[in-house]
Amino acid sequence: MKIIKPTSENQEPQGIRVFLAGSIEMGKAKDWQDSTANLFSDIENVTFYNPLRENWDSTWSQDQKNPQFNYQVNWELNSIDNSHIVFFNILPDTKSPITLMELGYCASSKPYVIVCCPEGFWKKGNVDIISTRSNIQVYEDYDKAVGALRTLIHKELIGSSMI
């Protein structure tokens, strides 16, 4: 198992590639990305793209002309495009506007999307509707969503002869 972050020196993925989309909102959302990826430490041929950037500076202007911001957004979109699976973990006490945008981006373009969105998320109805329209399973329970991710990774590894 390998984790690649925007600041990782080695950006070369291995095996099945999973993008960890979901709530970040510095200070509001817990850091769930690394702990999720580490649940798969028993699988060699899988790479997790973790967009959480520990050295993010909230004073950076969110403008396309800002090189740090531009790099981050393009890194995330390129990683989504390069992924076999996109795993969304949407936390109830967040707004997660970028996550909602990424879900819309993935809904009709990615064949494998898993969404964890528990009751209490302020736009759960919207998440449920776009997911239903795009034939995406929504899980309210994180452990069940992770179980679905494990099943899908194994299915993809078997189908690609990577095991």
N, C-alpha and C. Protein backbone atom coordinates (compact mmCIF):
# COMPACT_ATOMS: atom_id res chain seq x y z
N MET A 1 0.85 -1.18 0.00
CA MET A 1 0.00 0.00 0.00
C MET A 1 0.89 1.23 0.00
N LYS A 2 0.47 2.20 -0.77
CA LYS A 2 1.23 3.44 -0.90
C LYS A 2 0.27 4.62 -0.75
N ILE A 3 0.73 5.67 -0.09
CA ILE A 3 -0.04 6.91 0.03
C ILE A 3 0.73 8.01 -0.70
N ILE A 4 0.05 8.70 -1.59
CA ILE A 4 0.64 9.83 -2.29
C ILE A 4 -0.14 11.09 -1.91
N LYS A 5 0.60 12.11 -1.49
CA LYS A 5 0.01 13.40 -1.15
C LYS A 5 0.54 14.45 -2.13
N PRO A 6 -0.07 15.62 -2.16
CA PRO A 6 0.39 16.66 -3.09
C PRO A 6 1.88 17.00 -2.90
N THR A 7 2.37 16.85 -1.70
CA THR A 7 3.76 17.21 -1.41
C THR A 7 4.70 16.01 -1.42
N SER A 8 4.20 14.82 -1.76
CA SER A 8 5.06 13.63 -1.81
C SER A 8 6.09 13.77 -2.92
N GLU A 9 7.33 13.39 -2.61
CA GLU A 9 8.37 13.44 -3.63
C GLU A 9 8.09 12.43 -4.74
N ASN A 10 7.73 11.22 -4.36
CA ASN A 10 7.46 10.17 -5.34
C ASN A 10 5.97 10.18 -5.66
N GLN A 11 5.62 10.63 -6.85
CA GLN A 11 4.23 10.71 -7.27
C GLN A 11 3.83 9.54 -8.16
N GLU A 12 4.67 8.50 -8.23
CA GLU A 12 4.42 7.35 -9.12
C GLU A 12 3.52 6.33 -8.40
N PRO A 13 2.28 6.14 -8.89
CA PRO A 13 1.37 5.18 -8.24
C PRO A 13 1.73 3.74 -8.57
N GLN A 14 1.17 2.84 -7.78
CA GLN A 14 1.32 1.41 -8.05
C GLN A 14 -0.04 0.75 -7.93
N GLY A 15 -0.33 -0.17 -8.82
CA GLY A 15 -1.55 -0.96 -8.73
C GLY A 15 -2.83 -0.17 -8.87
N ILE A 16 -3.84 -0.59 -8.11
CA ILE A 16 -5.15 0.06 -8.11
C ILE A 16 -5.01 1.41 -7.42
N ARG A 17 -5.58 2.44 -8.04
CA ARG A 17 -5.46 3.79 -7.51
C ARG A 17 -6.81 4.28 -6.97
N VAL A 18 -6.76 4.78 -5.72
CA VAL A 18 -7.96 5.25 -5.02
C VAL A 18 -7.75 6.69 -4.59
N PHE A 19 -8.67 7.57 -4.97
CA PHE A 19 -8.63 8.96 -4.51
C PHE A 19 -9.53 9.09 -3.29
N LEU A 20 -9.00 9.69 -2.23
CA LEU A 20 -9.75 9.88 -0.99
C LEU A 20 -10.37 11.28 -1.00
N ALA A 21 -11.59 11.35 -1.47
CA ALA A 21 -12.32 12.62 -1.53
C ALA A 21 -13.16 12.74 -0.27
N GLY A 22 -13.46 13.95 0.10
CA GLY A 22 -14.35 14.11 1.26
C GLY A 22 -13.96 15.31 2.10
N SER A 23 -14.58 15.36 3.25
CA SER A 23 -14.45 16.51 4.13
C SER A 23 -13.01 16.71 4.59
N ILE A 24 -12.54 17.94 4.44
CA ILE A 24 -11.24 18.32 4.98
C ILE A 24 -11.43 19.52 5.90
N GLU A 25 -11.92 20.62 5.39
CA GLU A 25 -12.17 21.84 6.15
C GLU A 25 -11.25 21.98 7.35
N MET A 26 -10.04 22.37 7.09
CA MET A 26 -8.99 22.48 8.10
C MET A 26 -9.54 22.95 9.46
N GLY A 27 -9.36 22.13 10.46
CA GLY A 27 -9.79 22.46 11.80
C GLY A 27 -11.17 21.94 12.15
N LYS A 28 -12.02 21.69 11.15
CA LYS A 28 -13.38 21.19 11.42
C LYS A 28 -13.46 19.69 11.25
N ALA A 29 -12.90 19.18 10.18
CA ALA A 29 -12.99 17.74 9.89
C ALA A 29 -11.78 17.03 10.50
N LYS A 30 -12.05 15.87 11.04
CA LYS A 30 -10.93 15.07 11.55
C LYS A 30 -10.10 14.58 10.37
N ASP A 31 -8.85 14.25 10.64
CA ASP A 31 -7.96 13.72 9.61
C ASP A 31 -8.28 12.24 9.43
N TRP A 32 -9.15 11.94 8.51
CA TRP A 32 -9.61 10.56 8.29
C TRP A 32 -8.87 9.88 7.14
N GLN A 33 -8.18 10.65 6.31
CA GLN A 33 -7.61 10.10 5.08
C GLN A 33 -6.51 9.07 5.34
N ASP A 34 -5.50 9.41 6.11
CA ASP A 34 -4.42 8.46 6.37
C ASP A 34 -4.92 7.24 7.12
N SER A 35 -5.81 7.45 8.10
CA SER A 35 -6.31 6.29 8.85
C SER A 35 -7.12 5.36 7.95
N THR A 36 -7.83 5.92 6.98
CA THR A 36 -8.57 5.08 6.02
C THR A 36 -7.59 4.29 5.16
N ALA A 37 -6.61 4.96 4.60
CA ALA A 37 -5.62 4.27 3.76
C ALA A 37 -4.90 3.19 4.55
N ASN A 38 -4.57 3.47 5.79
CA ASN A 38 -3.83 2.49 6.60
C ASN A 38 -4.63 1.24 6.91
N LEU A 39 -5.94 1.29 6.75
CA LEU A 39 -6.76 0.08 6.90
C LEU A 39 -6.46 -0.94 5.80
N PHE A 40 -5.77 -0.49 4.76
CA PHE A 40 -5.46 -1.34 3.62
C PHE A 40 -3.96 -1.66 3.54
N SER A 41 -3.27 -1.55 4.66
CA SER A 41 -1.82 -1.80 4.68
C SER A 41 -1.47 -3.24 4.33
N ASP A 42 -2.46 -4.12 4.37
CA ASP A 42 -2.24 -5.53 4.04
C ASP A 42 -2.27 -5.80 2.54
N ILE A 43 -2.56 -4.79 1.74
CA ILE A 43 -2.66 -4.95 0.28
C ILE A 43 -1.49 -4.21 -0.37
N GLU A 44 -0.69 -4.93 -1.12
CA GLU A 44 0.51 -4.33 -1.72
C GLU A 44 0.20 -3.44 -2.91
N ASN A 45 -0.63 -3.89 -3.81
CA ASN A 45 -0.83 -3.20 -5.08
C ASN A 45 -1.96 -2.19 -5.07
N VAL A 46 -1.90 -1.27 -4.13
CA VAL A 46 -2.92 -0.22 -4.09
C VAL A 46 -2.25 1.09 -3.68
N THR A 47 -2.67 2.16 -4.35
CA THR A 47 -2.17 3.50 -4.04
C THR A 47 -3.35 4.37 -3.66
N PHE A 48 -3.19 5.11 -2.58
CA PHE A 48 -4.20 6.07 -2.15
C PHE A 48 -3.68 7.48 -2.39
N TYR A 49 -4.46 8.27 -3.11
CA TYR A 49 -4.17 9.69 -3.26
C TYR A 49 -4.88 10.41 -2.12
N ASN A 50 -4.09 11.06 -1.25
CA ASN A 50 -4.62 11.80 -0.12
C ASN A 50 -4.40 13.29 -0.36
N PRO A 51 -5.46 14.05 -0.62
CA PRO A 51 -5.29 15.47 -0.94
C PRO A 51 -4.98 16.37 0.26
N LEU A 52 -5.04 15.81 1.48
CA LEU A 52 -4.80 16.64 2.67
C LEU A 52 -3.35 17.13 2.66
N ARG A 53 -3.20 18.41 2.67
CA ARG A 53 -1.87 19.03 2.63
C ARG A 53 -1.62 19.70 3.97
N GLU A 54 -0.76 19.09 4.78
CA GLU A 54 -0.51 19.58 6.13
C GLU A 54 0.04 21.01 6.16
N ASN A 55 0.79 21.37 5.11
CA ASN A 55 1.39 22.71 5.10
C ASN A 55 0.54 23.74 4.35
N TRP A 56 -0.78 23.46 4.25
CA TRP A 56 -1.67 24.40 3.57
C TRP A 56 -1.68 25.72 4.34
N ASP A 57 -1.59 26.81 3.62
CA ASP A 57 -1.59 28.14 4.22
C ASP A 57 -2.91 28.81 3.85
N SER A 58 -3.75 29.03 4.83
CA SER A 58 -5.09 29.58 4.56
C SER A 58 -5.04 31.02 4.06
N THR A 59 -3.87 31.66 4.11
CA THR A 59 -3.77 33.03 3.60
C THR A 59 -3.51 33.04 2.09
N TRP A 60 -3.21 31.88 1.50
CA TRP A 60 -3.02 31.83 0.05
C TRP A 60 -4.34 32.20 -0.62
N SER A 61 -4.25 33.06 -1.62
CA SER A 61 -5.46 33.43 -2.34
C SER A 61 -5.93 32.23 -3.18
N GLN A 62 -7.22 32.00 -3.16
CA GLN A 62 -7.79 30.91 -3.94
C GLN A 62 -8.11 31.45 -5.32
N ASP A 63 -7.04 31.62 -6.06
CA ASP A 63 -7.09 32.21 -7.38
C ASP A 63 -6.25 31.35 -8.32
N GLN A 64 -6.71 31.16 -9.51
CA GLN A 64 -6.00 30.34 -10.49
C GLN A 64 -4.56 30.83 -10.71
N LYS A 65 -4.33 32.11 -10.53
CA LYS A 65 -3.00 32.68 -10.74
C LYS A 65 -2.05 32.39 -9.57
N ASN A 66 -2.59 31.97 -8.45
CA ASN A 66 -1.75 31.63 -7.30
C ASN A 66 -1.14 30.25 -7.54
N PRO A 67 0.18 30.13 -7.65
CA PRO A 67 0.79 28.85 -8.01
C PRO A 67 0.51 27.72 -7.02
N GLN A 68 0.49 28.00 -5.72
CA GLN A 68 0.23 26.95 -4.73
C GLN A 68 -1.21 26.44 -4.85
N PHE A 69 -2.16 27.36 -4.96
CA PHE A 69 -3.56 26.98 -5.08
C PHE A 69 -3.80 26.24 -6.40
N ASN A 70 -3.26 26.77 -7.49
CA ASN A 70 -3.41 26.15 -8.79
C ASN A 70 -2.85 24.73 -8.78
N TYR A 71 -1.66 24.55 -8.20
CA TYR A 71 -1.07 23.22 -8.12
C TYR A 71 -1.98 22.27 -7.34
N GLN A 72 -2.47 22.71 -6.19
CA GLN A 72 -3.30 21.85 -5.34
C GLN A 72 -4.56 21.39 -6.07
N VAL A 73 -5.27 22.32 -6.66
CA VAL A 73 -6.53 21.98 -7.34
C VAL A 73 -6.25 21.07 -8.53
N ASN A 74 -5.25 21.38 -9.31
CA ASN A 74 -4.93 20.53 -10.46
C ASN A 74 -4.40 19.17 -10.03
N TRP A 75 -3.64 19.12 -8.94
CA TRP A 75 -3.18 17.83 -8.41
C TRP A 75 -4.39 16.96 -8.05
N GLU A 76 -5.37 17.55 -7.37
CA GLU A 76 -6.56 16.80 -6.98
C GLU A 76 -7.32 16.30 -8.21
N LEU A 77 -7.56 17.18 -9.17
CA LEU A 77 -8.31 16.77 -10.37
C LEU A 77 -7.55 15.74 -11.19
N ASN A 78 -6.25 15.91 -11.32
CA ASN A 78 -5.44 14.91 -12.04
C ASN A 78 -5.46 13.57 -11.31
N SER A 79 -5.41 13.61 -9.99
CA SER A 79 -5.44 12.37 -9.20
C SER A 79 -6.80 11.68 -9.32
N ILE A 80 -7.87 12.45 -9.30
CA ILE A 80 -9.20 11.87 -9.53
C ILE A 80 -9.25 11.21 -10.91
N ASP A 81 -8.80 11.94 -11.91
CA ASP A 81 -8.82 11.41 -13.28
C ASP A 81 -7.97 10.14 -13.40
N ASN A 82 -6.90 10.05 -12.64
CA ASN A 82 -5.97 8.93 -12.71
C ASN A 82 -6.40 7.75 -11.83
N SER A 83 -7.46 7.92 -11.06
CA SER A 83 -7.88 6.88 -10.11
C SER A 83 -8.85 5.89 -10.73
N HIS A 84 -8.78 4.66 -10.24
CA HIS A 84 -9.75 3.63 -10.60
C HIS A 84 -11.03 3.80 -9.76
N ILE A 85 -10.84 4.21 -8.50
CA ILE A 85 -11.93 4.32 -7.53
C ILE A 85 -11.83 5.67 -6.83
N VAL A 86 -12.98 6.31 -6.60
CA VAL A 86 -13.01 7.52 -5.79
C VAL A 86 -13.88 7.22 -4.58
N PHE A 87 -13.29 7.37 -3.40
CA PHE A 87 -13.96 7.10 -2.13
C PHE A 87 -14.27 8.43 -1.46
N PHE A 88 -15.56 8.71 -1.28
CA PHE A 88 -16.00 9.95 -0.62
C PHE A 88 -16.38 9.67 0.82
N ASN A 89 -15.83 10.44 1.74
CA ASN A 89 -16.22 10.38 3.14
C ASN A 89 -16.66 11.78 3.53
N ILE A 90 -17.96 11.97 3.62
CA ILE A 90 -18.54 13.29 3.88
C ILE A 90 -19.00 13.32 5.33
N LEU A 91 -18.37 14.19 6.12
CA LEU A 91 -18.64 14.24 7.56
C LEU A 91 -19.79 15.19 7.87
N PRO A 92 -20.66 14.81 8.80
CA PRO A 92 -21.89 15.57 9.04
C PRO A 92 -21.70 16.99 9.56
N ASP A 93 -20.63 17.27 10.29
CA ASP A 93 -20.47 18.60 10.88
C ASP A 93 -19.68 19.56 9.98
N THR A 94 -19.66 19.28 8.68
CA THR A 94 -18.92 20.12 7.74
C THR A 94 -19.85 20.62 6.64
N LYS A 95 -19.37 21.58 5.88
CA LYS A 95 -20.10 22.07 4.70
C LYS A 95 -19.59 21.35 3.45
N SER A 96 -18.28 21.16 3.35
CA SER A 96 -17.65 20.38 2.27
C SER A 96 -18.04 20.80 0.86
N PRO A 97 -17.93 22.10 0.53
CA PRO A 97 -18.33 22.52 -0.82
C PRO A 97 -17.47 21.92 -1.92
N ILE A 98 -16.18 21.75 -1.69
CA ILE A 98 -15.30 21.17 -2.71
C ILE A 98 -15.65 19.70 -2.91
N THR A 99 -15.97 19.02 -1.82
CA THR A 99 -16.38 17.61 -1.91
C THR A 99 -17.62 17.47 -2.77
N LEU A 100 -18.59 18.36 -2.58
CA LEU A 100 -19.82 18.31 -3.38
C LEU A 100 -19.50 18.56 -4.86
N MET A 101 -18.59 19.50 -5.12
CA MET A 101 -18.20 19.77 -6.49
C MET A 101 -17.51 18.53 -7.09
N GLU A 102 -16.63 17.90 -6.32
CA GLU A 102 -15.93 16.71 -6.81
C GLU A 102 -16.90 15.54 -7.04
N LEU A 103 -17.91 15.42 -6.19
CA LEU A 103 -18.91 14.37 -6.40
C LEU A 103 -19.63 14.61 -7.72
N GLY A 104 -20.00 15.84 -7.98
CA GLY A 104 -20.63 16.16 -9.27
C GLY A 104 -19.71 15.87 -10.43
N TYR A 105 -18.43 16.16 -10.26
CA TYR A 105 -17.43 15.91 -11.30
C TYR A 105 -17.31 14.41 -11.58
N CYS A 106 -17.37 13.60 -10.53
CA CYS A 106 -17.18 12.15 -10.66
C CYS A 106 -18.45 11.39 -11.03
N ALA A 107 -19.59 11.94 -10.70
CA ALA A 107 -20.85 11.18 -10.81
C ALA A 107 -21.09 10.58 -12.18
N SER A 108 -20.77 11.29 -13.21
CA SER A 108 -21.04 10.76 -14.55
C SER A 108 -19.77 10.36 -15.30
N SER A 109 -18.61 10.52 -14.66
CA SER A 109 -17.37 10.24 -15.39
C SER A 109 -16.56 9.08 -14.83
N LYS A 110 -16.81 8.68 -13.60
CA LYS A 110 -16.01 7.63 -12.98
C LYS A 110 -16.87 6.38 -12.79
N PRO A 111 -16.37 5.22 -13.20
CA PRO A 111 -17.18 4.01 -13.06
C PRO A 111 -17.30 3.51 -11.62
N TYR A 112 -16.30 3.79 -10.78
CA TYR A 112 -16.33 3.29 -9.41
C TYR A 112 -16.24 4.43 -8.41
N VAL A 113 -17.37 4.74 -7.81
CA VAL A 113 -17.46 5.77 -6.79
C VAL A 113 -18.18 5.17 -5.60
N ILE A 114 -17.62 5.37 -4.42
CA ILE A 114 -18.25 4.94 -3.17
C ILE A 114 -18.43 6.19 -2.32
N VAL A 115 -19.62 6.35 -1.77
CA VAL A 115 -19.94 7.54 -0.98
C VAL A 115 -20.38 7.13 0.42
N CYS A 116 -19.73 7.73 1.41
CA CYS A 116 -20.19 7.61 2.79
C CYS A 116 -20.70 8.99 3.19
N CYS A 117 -22.01 9.07 3.45
CA CYS A 117 -22.64 10.34 3.82
C CYS A 117 -23.72 10.06 4.86
N PRO A 118 -23.38 10.19 6.15
CA PRO A 118 -24.35 9.87 7.20
C PRO A 118 -25.45 10.92 7.33
N GLU A 119 -26.51 10.51 7.99
CA GLU A 119 -27.57 11.46 8.35
C GLU A 119 -26.93 12.62 9.11
N GLY A 120 -27.44 13.80 8.90
CA GLY A 120 -26.93 14.97 9.60
C GLY A 120 -26.11 15.88 8.70
N PHE A 121 -25.64 15.35 7.55
CA PHE A 121 -24.93 16.23 6.62
C PHE A 121 -25.96 17.16 5.99
N TRP A 122 -25.68 18.45 5.99
CA TRP A 122 -26.66 19.46 5.61
C TRP A 122 -27.18 19.33 4.18
N LYS A 123 -26.45 18.70 3.29
CA LYS A 123 -26.90 18.52 1.91
C LYS A 123 -27.02 17.04 1.55
N LYS A 124 -27.34 16.21 2.54
CA LYS A 124 -27.45 14.78 2.30
C LYS A 124 -28.47 14.47 1.21
N GLY A 125 -29.56 15.19 1.17
CA GLY A 125 -30.57 14.97 0.13
C GLY A 125 -29.99 15.14 -1.26
N ASN A 126 -29.19 16.18 -1.45
CA ASN A 126 -28.54 16.40 -2.74
C ASN A 126 -27.56 15.28 -3.07
N VAL A 127 -26.78 14.85 -2.06
CA VAL A 127 -25.83 13.75 -2.26
C VAL A 127 -26.59 12.49 -2.67
N ASP A 128 -27.69 12.20 -1.97
CA ASP A 128 -28.48 11.01 -2.27
C ASP A 128 -29.07 11.06 -3.69
N ILE A 129 -29.58 12.20 -4.08
CA ILE A 129 -30.22 12.31 -5.40
C ILE A 129 -29.20 12.17 -6.53
N ILE A 130 -28.08 12.89 -6.45
CA ILE A 130 -27.10 12.76 -7.55
C ILE A 130 -26.52 11.35 -7.57
N SER A 131 -26.36 10.74 -6.40
CA SER A 131 -25.84 9.38 -6.34
C SER A 131 -26.83 8.39 -6.94
N THR A 132 -28.10 8.53 -6.61
CA THR A 132 -29.13 7.65 -7.17
C THR A 132 -29.18 7.80 -8.69
N ARG A 133 -29.16 9.03 -9.17
CA ARG A 133 -29.21 9.27 -10.62
C ARG A 133 -28.00 8.69 -11.33
N SER A 134 -26.87 8.59 -10.62
CA SER A 134 -25.63 8.09 -11.23
C SER A 134 -25.33 6.65 -10.84
N ASN A 135 -26.32 5.99 -10.18
CA ASN A 135 -26.17 4.59 -9.77
C ASN A 135 -24.97 4.39 -8.84
N ILE A 136 -24.81 5.31 -7.89
CA ILE A 136 -23.74 5.25 -6.89
C ILE A 136 -24.36 4.87 -5.55
N GLN A 137 -23.80 3.86 -4.91
CA GLN A 137 -24.26 3.43 -3.59
C GLN A 137 -23.81 4.44 -2.54
N VAL A 138 -24.73 4.88 -1.70
CA VAL A 138 -24.41 5.77 -0.59
C VAL A 138 -24.52 4.97 0.70
N TYR A 139 -23.49 5.04 1.51
CA TYR A 139 -23.45 4.37 2.81
C TYR A 139 -23.54 5.43 3.90
N GLU A 140 -24.35 5.14 4.91
CA GLU A 140 -24.41 6.05 6.05
C GLU A 140 -23.40 5.65 7.11
N ASP A 141 -22.90 4.43 7.03
CA ASP A 141 -21.97 3.89 8.01
C ASP A 141 -20.57 3.81 7.39
N TYR A 142 -19.61 4.45 8.03
CA TYR A 142 -18.24 4.49 7.52
C TYR A 142 -17.65 3.09 7.37
N ASP A 143 -17.83 2.22 8.35
CA ASP A 143 -17.27 0.88 8.28
C ASP A 143 -17.84 0.08 7.11
N LYS A 144 -19.11 0.25 6.81
CA LYS A 144 -19.70 -0.43 5.66
C LYS A 144 -19.15 0.14 4.35
N ALA A 145 -18.92 1.44 4.30
CA ALA A 145 -18.34 2.05 3.10
C ALA A 145 -16.92 1.55 2.89
N VAL A 146 -16.15 1.44 3.97
CA VAL A 146 -14.78 0.91 3.87
C VAL A 146 -14.81 -0.55 3.45
N GLY A 147 -15.78 -1.31 3.95
CA GLY A 147 -15.93 -2.71 3.52
C GLY A 147 -16.22 -2.81 2.03
N ALA A 148 -17.06 -1.91 1.54
CA ALA A 148 -17.36 -1.88 0.09
C ALA A 148 -16.12 -1.52 -0.70
N LEU A 149 -15.32 -0.61 -0.17
CA LEU A 149 -14.07 -0.23 -0.83
C LEU A 149 -13.11 -1.42 -0.88
N ARG A 150 -12.99 -2.14 0.21
CA ARG A 150 -12.11 -3.32 0.24
C ARG A 150 -12.58 -4.36 -0.79
N THR A 151 -13.87 -4.60 -0.85
CA THR A 151 -14.42 -5.56 -1.81
C THR A 151 -14.11 -5.12 -3.24
N LEU A 152 -14.30 -3.84 -3.53
CA LEU A 152 -14.05 -3.33 -4.87
C LEU A 152 -12.57 -3.39 -5.23
N ILE A 153 -11.70 -3.06 -4.29
CA ILE A 153 -10.26 -3.15 -4.55
C ILE A 153 -9.88 -4.59 -4.88
N HIS A 154 -10.36 -5.55 -4.10
CA HIS A 154 -10.05 -6.96 -4.37
C HIS A 154 -10.58 -7.38 -5.74
N LYS A 155 -11.79 -6.94 -6.05
CA LYS A 155 -12.39 -7.27 -7.36
C LYS A 155 -11.52 -6.70 -8.49
N GLU A 156 -11.07 -5.47 -8.34
CA GLU A 156 -10.24 -4.85 -9.36
C GLU A 156 -8.87 -5.51 -9.44
N LEU A 157 -8.30 -5.89 -8.30
CA LEU A 157 -7.00 -6.58 -8.32
C LEU A 157 -7.10 -7.92 -9.02
N ILE A 158 -8.16 -8.64 -8.75
CA ILE A 158 -8.35 -9.95 -9.39
C ILE A 158 -8.58 -9.77 -10.89
N GLY A 159 -9.41 -8.80 -11.25
CA GLY A 159 -9.72 -8.55 -12.66
C GLY A 159 -8.54 -8.05 -13.47
N SER A 160 -7.59 -7.41 -12.79
CA SER A 160 -6.43 -6.86 -13.50
C SER A 160 -5.20 -7.73 -13.38
N SER A 161 -5.31 -8.86 -12.70
CA SER A 161 -4.19 -9.78 -12.48
C SER A 161 -3.04 -9.13 -11.72
N MET A 162 -3.36 -8.18 -10.82
CA MET A 162 -2.32 -7.50 -10.05
C MET A 162 -2.01 -8.20 -8.74
N ILE A 163 -2.73 -9.28 -8.42
CA ILE A 163 -2.43 -9.94 -7.14
C ILE A 163 -1.49 -11.10 -7.35
